N, C-alpha and C. Protein backbone atom coordinates (compact mmCIF):
# COMPACT_ATOMS: atom_id res chain seq x y z
N MET A 1 -1.29 37.48 -49.92
CA MET A 1 -0.02 38.04 -49.53
C MET A 1 0.82 38.48 -50.72
N GLU A 2 0.29 38.25 -51.92
CA GLU A 2 0.99 38.67 -53.12
C GLU A 2 1.21 40.18 -53.15
N PHE A 3 0.26 40.91 -52.56
CA PHE A 3 0.38 42.37 -52.54
C PHE A 3 1.61 42.83 -51.77
N LEU A 4 2.02 42.08 -50.73
CA LEU A 4 3.21 42.45 -49.97
C LEU A 4 4.47 42.32 -50.81
N THR A 5 4.54 41.28 -51.61
CA THR A 5 5.68 41.08 -52.49
C THR A 5 5.75 42.18 -53.53
N ALA A 6 4.59 42.54 -54.07
CA ALA A 6 4.55 43.54 -55.14
C ALA A 6 4.73 44.96 -54.62
N LEU A 7 4.29 45.24 -53.40
CA LEU A 7 4.24 46.62 -52.92
C LEU A 7 5.10 46.88 -51.69
N TRP A 8 6.08 46.05 -51.41
CA TRP A 8 6.90 46.26 -50.22
C TRP A 8 7.72 47.55 -50.30
N VAL A 9 8.14 47.94 -51.51
CA VAL A 9 8.93 49.18 -51.63
C VAL A 9 8.09 50.41 -51.28
N PRO A 10 6.89 50.60 -51.88
CA PRO A 10 6.11 51.78 -51.47
C PRO A 10 5.68 51.74 -50.01
N ILE A 11 5.47 50.53 -49.46
CA ILE A 11 5.12 50.43 -48.04
C ILE A 11 6.25 51.01 -47.19
N LEU A 12 7.47 50.57 -47.43
CA LEU A 12 8.61 51.02 -46.61
C LEU A 12 8.99 52.47 -46.88
N VAL A 13 8.98 52.86 -48.14
CA VAL A 13 9.36 54.25 -48.48
C VAL A 13 8.34 55.23 -47.92
N SER A 14 7.04 54.93 -48.09
CA SER A 14 6.02 55.84 -47.55
C SER A 14 6.09 55.89 -46.03
N SER A 15 6.40 54.76 -45.40
CA SER A 15 6.54 54.74 -43.93
C SER A 15 7.68 55.65 -43.48
N ALA A 16 8.80 55.58 -44.16
CA ALA A 16 9.94 56.43 -43.80
C ALA A 16 9.62 57.90 -44.03
N ILE A 17 8.95 58.22 -45.13
CA ILE A 17 8.61 59.61 -45.44
C ILE A 17 7.62 60.16 -44.41
N VAL A 18 6.59 59.38 -44.07
CA VAL A 18 5.60 59.82 -43.08
C VAL A 18 6.26 59.96 -41.70
N PHE A 19 7.13 59.05 -41.35
CA PHE A 19 7.85 59.13 -40.07
C PHE A 19 8.65 60.43 -39.99
N PHE A 20 9.33 60.78 -41.06
CA PHE A 20 10.10 62.02 -41.10
C PHE A 20 9.17 63.24 -41.06
N ALA A 21 8.05 63.18 -41.79
CA ALA A 21 7.08 64.28 -41.77
C ALA A 21 6.51 64.47 -40.36
N SER A 22 6.31 63.37 -39.65
CA SER A 22 5.83 63.45 -38.28
C SER A 22 6.84 64.18 -37.40
N PHE A 23 8.10 63.88 -37.60
CA PHE A 23 9.16 64.60 -36.88
C PHE A 23 9.07 66.10 -37.18
N LEU A 24 8.92 66.44 -38.45
CA LEU A 24 8.84 67.85 -38.82
C LEU A 24 7.64 68.56 -38.20
N THR A 25 6.45 67.93 -38.26
CA THR A 25 5.26 68.60 -37.74
C THR A 25 5.29 68.71 -36.22
N HIS A 26 5.97 67.77 -35.55
CA HIS A 26 5.99 67.81 -34.09
C HIS A 26 7.19 68.55 -33.50
N MET A 27 8.31 68.58 -34.21
CA MET A 27 9.53 69.14 -33.62
C MET A 27 10.02 70.42 -34.29
N VAL A 28 9.68 70.63 -35.55
CA VAL A 28 10.23 71.78 -36.27
C VAL A 28 9.17 72.84 -36.53
N LEU A 29 8.04 72.44 -37.10
CA LEU A 29 6.97 73.39 -37.42
C LEU A 29 6.19 73.73 -36.14
N PRO A 30 5.51 74.86 -36.12
CA PRO A 30 4.77 75.24 -34.91
C PRO A 30 3.39 74.59 -34.80
N VAL A 31 3.12 73.56 -35.60
CA VAL A 31 1.79 72.94 -35.63
C VAL A 31 1.35 72.44 -34.26
N HIS A 32 2.23 71.79 -33.53
CA HIS A 32 1.85 71.19 -32.25
C HIS A 32 2.34 71.98 -31.04
N LYS A 33 2.82 73.19 -31.30
CA LYS A 33 3.26 74.04 -30.19
C LYS A 33 2.04 74.35 -29.33
N GLY A 34 2.18 74.17 -28.06
CA GLY A 34 1.06 74.46 -27.16
C GLY A 34 0.07 73.32 -27.03
N ASP A 35 0.38 72.13 -27.56
CA ASP A 35 -0.53 70.99 -27.38
C ASP A 35 -0.68 70.65 -25.90
N TRP A 36 0.38 70.84 -25.14
CA TRP A 36 0.39 70.46 -23.73
C TRP A 36 0.71 71.67 -22.86
N LYS A 37 0.17 71.66 -21.66
CA LYS A 37 0.42 72.72 -20.70
C LYS A 37 0.80 72.10 -19.37
N GLY A 38 1.53 72.84 -18.57
CA GLY A 38 1.84 72.39 -17.22
C GLY A 38 0.64 72.61 -16.30
N LEU A 39 0.57 71.79 -15.28
CA LEU A 39 -0.51 71.94 -14.31
C LEU A 39 -0.22 73.08 -13.36
N PRO A 40 -1.26 73.78 -12.92
CA PRO A 40 -1.03 74.77 -11.88
C PRO A 40 -0.65 74.03 -10.59
N ASN A 41 0.26 74.59 -9.85
CA ASN A 41 0.71 73.99 -8.60
C ASN A 41 1.13 72.53 -8.85
N GLU A 42 2.02 72.37 -9.82
CA GLU A 42 2.43 71.04 -10.25
C GLU A 42 2.98 70.18 -9.12
N GLU A 43 3.78 70.75 -8.25
CA GLU A 43 4.40 69.96 -7.18
C GLU A 43 3.34 69.33 -6.27
N ALA A 44 2.31 70.08 -5.92
CA ALA A 44 1.24 69.54 -5.08
C ALA A 44 0.46 68.46 -5.83
N THR A 45 0.24 68.67 -7.12
CA THR A 45 -0.46 67.67 -7.93
C THR A 45 0.34 66.38 -8.00
N LEU A 46 1.65 66.52 -8.25
CA LEU A 46 2.51 65.34 -8.30
C LEU A 46 2.50 64.60 -6.97
N GLN A 47 2.53 65.35 -5.90
CA GLN A 47 2.49 64.75 -4.55
C GLN A 47 1.20 63.97 -4.36
N SER A 48 0.06 64.56 -4.78
CA SER A 48 -1.23 63.88 -4.58
C SER A 48 -1.36 62.64 -5.47
N LEU A 49 -0.67 62.60 -6.60
CA LEU A 49 -0.73 61.45 -7.49
C LEU A 49 0.34 60.40 -7.18
N SER A 50 1.23 60.72 -6.28
CA SER A 50 2.30 59.79 -5.91
C SER A 50 1.69 58.48 -5.41
N GLY A 51 2.17 57.38 -5.95
CA GLY A 51 1.67 56.07 -5.54
C GLY A 51 0.54 55.55 -6.40
N ALA A 52 -0.01 56.39 -7.28
CA ALA A 52 -1.08 55.92 -8.16
C ALA A 52 -0.50 54.93 -9.18
N GLU A 53 -1.21 53.86 -9.42
CA GLU A 53 -0.78 52.86 -10.40
C GLU A 53 -0.84 53.47 -11.81
N PRO A 54 0.01 53.02 -12.72
CA PRO A 54 -0.11 53.47 -14.12
C PRO A 54 -1.49 53.12 -14.67
N GLY A 55 -2.04 54.02 -15.45
CA GLY A 55 -3.35 53.80 -16.04
C GLY A 55 -4.08 55.10 -16.29
N GLY A 56 -5.31 55.00 -16.72
CA GLY A 56 -6.14 56.16 -17.00
C GLY A 56 -7.07 56.45 -15.84
N TYR A 57 -7.18 57.72 -15.49
CA TYR A 57 -8.02 58.14 -14.38
C TYR A 57 -8.95 59.26 -14.85
N MET A 58 -10.15 59.26 -14.29
CA MET A 58 -11.13 60.29 -14.62
C MET A 58 -11.51 60.99 -13.32
N PHE A 59 -11.70 62.31 -13.39
CA PHE A 59 -12.11 63.04 -12.21
C PHE A 59 -13.15 64.08 -12.57
N PRO A 60 -14.13 64.27 -11.69
CA PRO A 60 -14.39 63.46 -10.52
C PRO A 60 -14.81 62.04 -10.94
N TRP A 61 -14.57 61.08 -10.06
CA TRP A 61 -14.86 59.69 -10.35
C TRP A 61 -16.09 59.24 -9.57
N GLY A 62 -16.90 58.42 -10.22
CA GLY A 62 -18.05 57.83 -9.54
C GLY A 62 -18.66 56.73 -10.38
N THR A 63 -19.45 55.91 -9.74
CA THR A 63 -20.18 54.86 -10.45
C THR A 63 -21.37 55.49 -11.15
N MET A 64 -22.06 54.71 -11.96
CA MET A 64 -23.27 55.23 -12.62
C MET A 64 -24.30 55.67 -11.57
N LYS A 65 -24.37 54.92 -10.48
CA LYS A 65 -25.29 55.29 -9.41
C LYS A 65 -24.87 56.62 -8.78
N ASP A 66 -23.55 56.76 -8.52
CA ASP A 66 -23.02 58.01 -7.93
C ASP A 66 -23.36 59.22 -8.79
N MET A 67 -23.32 59.04 -10.11
CA MET A 67 -23.50 60.16 -11.03
C MET A 67 -24.91 60.75 -10.97
N LYS A 68 -25.85 60.02 -10.35
CA LYS A 68 -27.22 60.52 -10.22
C LYS A 68 -27.42 61.29 -8.91
N GLU A 69 -26.45 61.20 -8.02
CA GLU A 69 -26.55 61.84 -6.70
C GLU A 69 -26.29 63.34 -6.80
N PRO A 70 -27.04 64.15 -6.07
CA PRO A 70 -26.86 65.61 -6.11
C PRO A 70 -25.44 66.05 -5.75
N ALA A 71 -24.81 65.38 -4.78
CA ALA A 71 -23.45 65.77 -4.38
C ALA A 71 -22.47 65.56 -5.53
N PHE A 72 -22.64 64.47 -6.27
CA PHE A 72 -21.75 64.20 -7.40
C PHE A 72 -22.01 65.20 -8.52
N MET A 73 -23.28 65.47 -8.80
CA MET A 73 -23.61 66.44 -9.86
C MET A 73 -23.06 67.82 -9.52
N GLU A 74 -23.10 68.18 -8.26
CA GLU A 74 -22.53 69.46 -7.83
C GLU A 74 -21.02 69.48 -8.05
N LYS A 75 -20.36 68.38 -7.73
CA LYS A 75 -18.91 68.26 -7.93
C LYS A 75 -18.59 68.42 -9.42
N MET A 76 -19.41 67.84 -10.28
CA MET A 76 -19.20 67.95 -11.73
C MET A 76 -19.37 69.41 -12.19
N LYS A 77 -20.39 70.07 -11.68
CA LYS A 77 -20.63 71.47 -12.05
C LYS A 77 -19.49 72.37 -11.58
N ARG A 78 -19.02 72.11 -10.36
CA ARG A 78 -17.96 72.93 -9.75
C ARG A 78 -16.63 72.76 -10.51
N GLY A 79 -16.34 71.51 -10.94
CA GLY A 79 -15.10 71.26 -11.65
C GLY A 79 -13.89 71.31 -10.75
N PRO A 80 -12.74 71.08 -11.27
CA PRO A 80 -12.48 70.73 -12.66
C PRO A 80 -12.87 69.28 -12.98
N ASN A 81 -13.06 69.02 -14.27
CA ASN A 81 -13.38 67.69 -14.78
C ASN A 81 -12.30 67.32 -15.78
N GLY A 82 -11.93 66.06 -15.81
CA GLY A 82 -10.93 65.69 -16.80
C GLY A 82 -10.44 64.27 -16.66
N THR A 83 -9.37 64.01 -17.37
CA THR A 83 -8.72 62.70 -17.34
C THR A 83 -7.23 62.90 -17.18
N VAL A 84 -6.59 61.90 -16.61
CA VAL A 84 -5.14 61.90 -16.44
C VAL A 84 -4.66 60.50 -16.80
N VAL A 85 -3.57 60.42 -17.53
CA VAL A 85 -2.94 59.14 -17.81
C VAL A 85 -1.59 59.13 -17.09
N ILE A 86 -1.39 58.11 -16.28
CA ILE A 86 -0.12 57.98 -15.57
C ILE A 86 0.68 56.86 -16.22
N TRP A 87 1.86 57.19 -16.66
CA TRP A 87 2.74 56.23 -17.32
C TRP A 87 3.48 55.40 -16.30
N PRO A 88 3.98 54.24 -16.73
CA PRO A 88 4.70 53.38 -15.78
C PRO A 88 6.12 53.86 -15.47
N GLY A 89 6.55 54.93 -16.06
CA GLY A 89 7.90 55.45 -15.81
C GLY A 89 8.21 56.53 -16.83
N PRO A 90 9.46 56.94 -16.92
CA PRO A 90 9.84 57.96 -17.90
C PRO A 90 9.55 57.48 -19.33
N VAL A 91 9.33 58.42 -20.21
CA VAL A 91 9.08 58.10 -21.62
C VAL A 91 10.34 57.46 -22.20
N ASN A 92 10.16 56.34 -22.86
CA ASN A 92 11.26 55.67 -23.55
C ASN A 92 11.19 56.10 -25.02
N MET A 93 11.92 57.15 -25.36
CA MET A 93 11.85 57.72 -26.72
C MET A 93 12.22 56.70 -27.79
N GLY A 94 13.26 55.93 -27.56
CA GLY A 94 13.68 54.94 -28.55
C GLY A 94 12.57 53.94 -28.85
N ARG A 95 11.98 53.40 -27.80
CA ARG A 95 10.89 52.44 -27.95
C ARG A 95 9.72 53.07 -28.68
N ASN A 96 9.32 54.28 -28.26
CA ASN A 96 8.17 54.95 -28.87
C ASN A 96 8.42 55.31 -30.33
N LEU A 97 9.64 55.71 -30.66
CA LEU A 97 9.95 56.03 -32.06
C LEU A 97 9.91 54.77 -32.93
N ILE A 98 10.43 53.67 -32.41
CA ILE A 98 10.38 52.41 -33.16
C ILE A 98 8.94 51.97 -33.36
N LEU A 99 8.13 52.04 -32.31
CA LEU A 99 6.72 51.66 -32.43
C LEU A 99 5.97 52.58 -33.38
N THR A 100 6.32 53.86 -33.39
CA THR A 100 5.68 54.79 -34.33
C THR A 100 6.03 54.42 -35.76
N PHE A 101 7.30 54.10 -36.01
CA PHE A 101 7.69 53.69 -37.36
C PHE A 101 6.99 52.39 -37.76
N LEU A 102 6.90 51.44 -36.83
CA LEU A 102 6.20 50.19 -37.13
C LEU A 102 4.71 50.44 -37.41
N SER A 103 4.12 51.41 -36.73
CA SER A 103 2.72 51.73 -37.02
C SER A 103 2.58 52.33 -38.42
N CYS A 104 3.56 53.09 -38.86
CA CYS A 104 3.55 53.62 -40.24
C CYS A 104 3.61 52.46 -41.24
N ILE A 105 4.43 51.47 -40.96
CA ILE A 105 4.52 50.29 -41.84
C ILE A 105 3.19 49.55 -41.83
N PHE A 106 2.62 49.37 -40.66
CA PHE A 106 1.34 48.68 -40.53
C PHE A 106 0.26 49.37 -41.36
N ILE A 107 0.19 50.70 -41.28
CA ILE A 107 -0.76 51.46 -42.08
C ILE A 107 -0.46 51.27 -43.56
N GLY A 108 0.83 51.31 -43.94
CA GLY A 108 1.22 51.10 -45.33
C GLY A 108 0.80 49.75 -45.86
N VAL A 109 0.88 48.73 -45.03
CA VAL A 109 0.44 47.38 -45.44
C VAL A 109 -1.05 47.39 -45.77
N PHE A 110 -1.85 48.05 -44.96
CA PHE A 110 -3.28 48.10 -45.23
C PHE A 110 -3.60 48.93 -46.47
N ILE A 111 -2.85 49.99 -46.68
CA ILE A 111 -3.05 50.79 -47.90
C ILE A 111 -2.69 49.95 -49.12
N ALA A 112 -1.60 49.22 -49.05
CA ALA A 112 -1.22 48.33 -50.15
C ALA A 112 -2.30 47.29 -50.39
N TYR A 113 -2.85 46.75 -49.34
CA TYR A 113 -3.92 45.75 -49.46
C TYR A 113 -5.13 46.34 -50.18
N VAL A 114 -5.54 47.55 -49.77
CA VAL A 114 -6.69 48.20 -50.42
C VAL A 114 -6.41 48.45 -51.90
N LEU A 115 -5.22 48.97 -52.21
CA LEU A 115 -4.86 49.23 -53.61
C LEU A 115 -4.83 47.94 -54.42
N TRP A 116 -4.18 46.93 -53.88
CA TRP A 116 -4.02 45.67 -54.61
C TRP A 116 -5.37 45.05 -54.93
N HIS A 117 -6.25 44.99 -53.95
CA HIS A 117 -7.55 44.36 -54.17
C HIS A 117 -8.53 45.30 -54.89
N GLY A 118 -8.37 46.60 -54.69
CA GLY A 118 -9.22 47.54 -55.41
C GLY A 118 -8.92 47.56 -56.90
N PHE A 119 -7.69 47.33 -57.25
CA PHE A 119 -7.29 47.33 -58.66
C PHE A 119 -7.05 45.92 -59.19
N ALA A 120 -7.42 44.90 -58.42
CA ALA A 120 -7.24 43.50 -58.79
C ALA A 120 -5.79 43.21 -59.19
N GLY A 121 -4.87 43.85 -58.51
CA GLY A 121 -3.45 43.61 -58.77
C GLY A 121 -2.89 44.32 -59.98
N GLU A 122 -3.76 44.99 -60.76
CA GLU A 122 -3.29 45.69 -61.95
C GLU A 122 -2.79 47.08 -61.58
N LYS A 123 -1.75 47.51 -62.23
CA LYS A 123 -1.27 48.88 -62.02
C LYS A 123 -2.24 49.84 -62.70
N ARG A 124 -2.44 50.99 -62.11
CA ARG A 124 -3.33 52.01 -62.65
C ARG A 124 -2.55 53.29 -62.88
N VAL A 125 -3.22 54.25 -63.50
CA VAL A 125 -2.55 55.53 -63.74
C VAL A 125 -2.31 56.23 -62.41
N TYR A 126 -1.37 57.14 -62.43
CA TYR A 126 -0.89 57.82 -61.22
C TYR A 126 -2.04 58.37 -60.37
N MET A 127 -2.95 59.13 -60.98
CA MET A 127 -3.98 59.81 -60.18
C MET A 127 -4.98 58.85 -59.57
N GLU A 128 -5.28 57.73 -60.22
CA GLU A 128 -6.17 56.74 -59.60
C GLU A 128 -5.52 56.15 -58.35
N THR A 129 -4.26 55.79 -58.47
CA THR A 129 -3.53 55.25 -57.34
C THR A 129 -3.42 56.30 -56.23
N PHE A 130 -3.10 57.53 -56.60
CA PHE A 130 -2.97 58.63 -55.64
C PHE A 130 -4.27 58.82 -54.88
N ARG A 131 -5.39 58.85 -55.58
CA ARG A 131 -6.69 59.10 -54.96
C ARG A 131 -7.05 58.02 -53.93
N ILE A 132 -6.91 56.77 -54.31
CA ILE A 132 -7.28 55.68 -53.41
C ILE A 132 -6.30 55.59 -52.23
N ALA A 133 -5.02 55.66 -52.52
CA ALA A 133 -4.02 55.59 -51.45
C ALA A 133 -4.17 56.77 -50.49
N GLY A 134 -4.42 57.96 -51.03
CA GLY A 134 -4.59 59.14 -50.19
C GLY A 134 -5.81 59.05 -49.29
N THR A 135 -6.91 58.54 -49.84
CA THR A 135 -8.13 58.39 -49.04
C THR A 135 -7.90 57.38 -47.91
N ALA A 136 -7.31 56.24 -48.24
CA ALA A 136 -7.05 55.22 -47.21
C ALA A 136 -6.08 55.74 -46.16
N ALA A 137 -5.05 56.47 -46.58
CA ALA A 137 -4.07 57.00 -45.64
C ALA A 137 -4.70 58.06 -44.73
N PHE A 138 -5.55 58.91 -45.29
CA PHE A 138 -6.22 59.92 -44.46
C PHE A 138 -7.11 59.25 -43.42
N MET A 139 -7.83 58.23 -43.85
CA MET A 139 -8.68 57.51 -42.91
C MET A 139 -7.84 56.91 -41.79
N ALA A 140 -6.71 56.32 -42.14
CA ALA A 140 -5.86 55.68 -41.13
C ALA A 140 -5.23 56.68 -40.17
N HIS A 141 -4.74 57.78 -40.69
CA HIS A 141 -4.01 58.73 -39.85
C HIS A 141 -4.90 59.73 -39.12
N GLY A 142 -6.12 59.96 -39.60
CA GLY A 142 -6.91 61.03 -39.01
C GLY A 142 -8.26 60.67 -38.43
N LEU A 143 -9.04 59.89 -39.14
CA LEU A 143 -10.43 59.71 -38.73
C LEU A 143 -10.59 58.98 -37.40
N GLY A 144 -9.70 58.06 -37.10
CA GLY A 144 -9.80 57.32 -35.86
C GLY A 144 -9.60 58.17 -34.61
N LEU A 145 -9.00 59.34 -34.78
CA LEU A 145 -8.76 60.21 -33.62
C LEU A 145 -9.93 61.15 -33.32
N ILE A 146 -10.91 61.22 -34.21
CA ILE A 146 -12.04 62.13 -33.98
C ILE A 146 -12.81 61.75 -32.71
N PRO A 147 -13.18 60.48 -32.50
CA PRO A 147 -13.88 60.16 -31.25
C PRO A 147 -13.04 60.47 -30.01
N HIS A 148 -11.75 60.25 -30.09
CA HIS A 148 -10.86 60.57 -28.97
C HIS A 148 -10.91 62.07 -28.66
N ALA A 149 -10.88 62.87 -29.70
CA ALA A 149 -10.92 64.32 -29.51
C ALA A 149 -12.28 64.77 -28.95
N ILE A 150 -13.34 64.10 -29.37
CA ILE A 150 -14.67 64.45 -28.86
C ILE A 150 -14.76 64.16 -27.36
N TRP A 151 -14.27 63.00 -26.96
CA TRP A 151 -14.42 62.59 -25.58
C TRP A 151 -13.39 63.18 -24.64
N TYR A 152 -12.17 63.35 -25.11
CA TYR A 152 -11.10 63.76 -24.19
C TYR A 152 -10.62 65.18 -24.41
N ARG A 153 -10.96 65.81 -25.50
CA ARG A 153 -10.72 67.23 -25.76
C ARG A 153 -9.30 67.69 -25.50
N GLY A 154 -8.35 66.80 -25.39
CA GLY A 154 -7.00 67.20 -25.06
C GLY A 154 -6.15 67.51 -26.28
N MET A 155 -6.72 67.46 -27.47
CA MET A 155 -5.92 67.69 -28.66
C MET A 155 -6.54 68.78 -29.52
N LYS A 156 -5.68 69.46 -30.26
CA LYS A 156 -6.16 70.44 -31.22
C LYS A 156 -6.53 69.66 -32.48
N MET A 157 -7.82 69.57 -32.75
CA MET A 157 -8.27 68.74 -33.88
C MET A 157 -7.73 69.24 -35.21
N TRP A 158 -7.60 70.56 -35.36
CA TRP A 158 -7.10 71.08 -36.63
C TRP A 158 -5.66 70.59 -36.87
N ALA A 159 -4.87 70.48 -35.80
CA ALA A 159 -3.48 70.02 -35.95
C ALA A 159 -3.43 68.54 -36.32
N VAL A 160 -4.31 67.75 -35.71
CA VAL A 160 -4.37 66.33 -36.03
C VAL A 160 -4.79 66.13 -37.49
N MET A 161 -5.78 66.89 -37.93
CA MET A 161 -6.24 66.78 -39.32
C MET A 161 -5.18 67.29 -40.30
N PHE A 162 -4.45 68.33 -39.90
CA PHE A 162 -3.34 68.81 -40.73
C PHE A 162 -2.32 67.69 -40.92
N ASP A 163 -1.93 67.05 -39.81
CA ASP A 163 -1.00 65.93 -39.90
C ASP A 163 -1.54 64.85 -40.82
N ALA A 164 -2.81 64.48 -40.63
CA ALA A 164 -3.41 63.41 -41.42
C ALA A 164 -3.41 63.74 -42.91
N ILE A 165 -3.69 64.99 -43.25
CA ILE A 165 -3.68 65.39 -44.66
C ILE A 165 -2.26 65.32 -45.23
N VAL A 166 -1.30 65.83 -44.49
CA VAL A 166 0.10 65.79 -44.94
C VAL A 166 0.54 64.34 -45.13
N TYR A 167 0.29 63.50 -44.13
CA TYR A 167 0.70 62.10 -44.22
C TYR A 167 -0.01 61.39 -45.38
N ALA A 168 -1.29 61.70 -45.58
CA ALA A 168 -2.05 61.09 -46.67
C ALA A 168 -1.49 61.49 -48.03
N LEU A 169 -1.18 62.78 -48.20
CA LEU A 169 -0.63 63.24 -49.48
C LEU A 169 0.74 62.62 -49.75
N LEU A 170 1.56 62.53 -48.73
CA LEU A 170 2.88 61.93 -48.90
C LEU A 170 2.78 60.43 -49.21
N THR A 171 1.89 59.75 -48.52
CA THR A 171 1.67 58.32 -48.77
C THR A 171 1.12 58.10 -50.17
N ALA A 172 0.12 58.89 -50.53
CA ALA A 172 -0.49 58.76 -51.86
C ALA A 172 0.54 59.00 -52.95
N GLY A 173 1.33 60.05 -52.81
CA GLY A 173 2.35 60.34 -53.80
C GLY A 173 3.38 59.24 -53.91
N THR A 174 3.76 58.66 -52.78
CA THR A 174 4.76 57.58 -52.79
C THR A 174 4.22 56.33 -53.47
N PHE A 175 3.01 55.91 -53.09
CA PHE A 175 2.43 54.72 -53.73
C PHE A 175 2.20 54.95 -55.22
N ALA A 176 1.68 56.11 -55.58
CA ALA A 176 1.43 56.39 -57.01
C ALA A 176 2.74 56.45 -57.79
N TRP A 177 3.77 57.04 -57.22
CA TRP A 177 5.07 57.16 -57.88
C TRP A 177 5.72 55.79 -58.05
N LEU A 178 5.72 54.98 -57.00
CA LEU A 178 6.41 53.71 -57.05
C LEU A 178 5.60 52.57 -57.66
N TRP A 179 4.33 52.82 -57.93
CA TRP A 179 3.48 51.80 -58.57
C TRP A 179 2.87 52.33 -59.86
N HIS A 180 3.44 53.42 -60.35
CA HIS A 180 2.90 54.13 -61.52
C HIS A 180 3.24 53.39 -62.82
N VAL A 181 2.23 53.29 -63.72
CA VAL A 181 2.43 52.63 -65.01
C VAL A 181 2.94 53.62 -66.05
N GLY A 182 2.43 54.83 -66.03
CA GLY A 182 2.91 55.84 -66.97
C GLY A 182 2.10 56.03 -68.11
């Protein structure tokens, strides 16, 4: 836990910077414009989903046995195919923003851990710190979403990777700047 005492400032500063960068990429820049679309005949869709419990749904739905049946295979070919997530109520922006910031801190703690143990607690030159922190940050912000994008196809992968690169560079620069020996 010594690394937390030594690196709490870059953890918090990089978290705040990444949180702000996330705001910029999602609300100001056109990076995520068009990530979501409205459903055709939305009112009828909402009506048909009325009463569904919160959770993830797949359509068409069937058991492994069902998936071998010709009628199910025809339904899959005919389409549409997809997933829907139903939330338990309206989006709570305050809660989600706080949780997003806490996730930035959580990622920062792991980056600090990697740096601290990778360098045995010794400070290194700026570019060494930048390289390791940037790699760890990119892995944290981007690579975990690749399987999600493969399976659910609901995201623009280039936009997710753009975010991950930006967040990684900002995190790397912050850790290298605030832990730099000179």
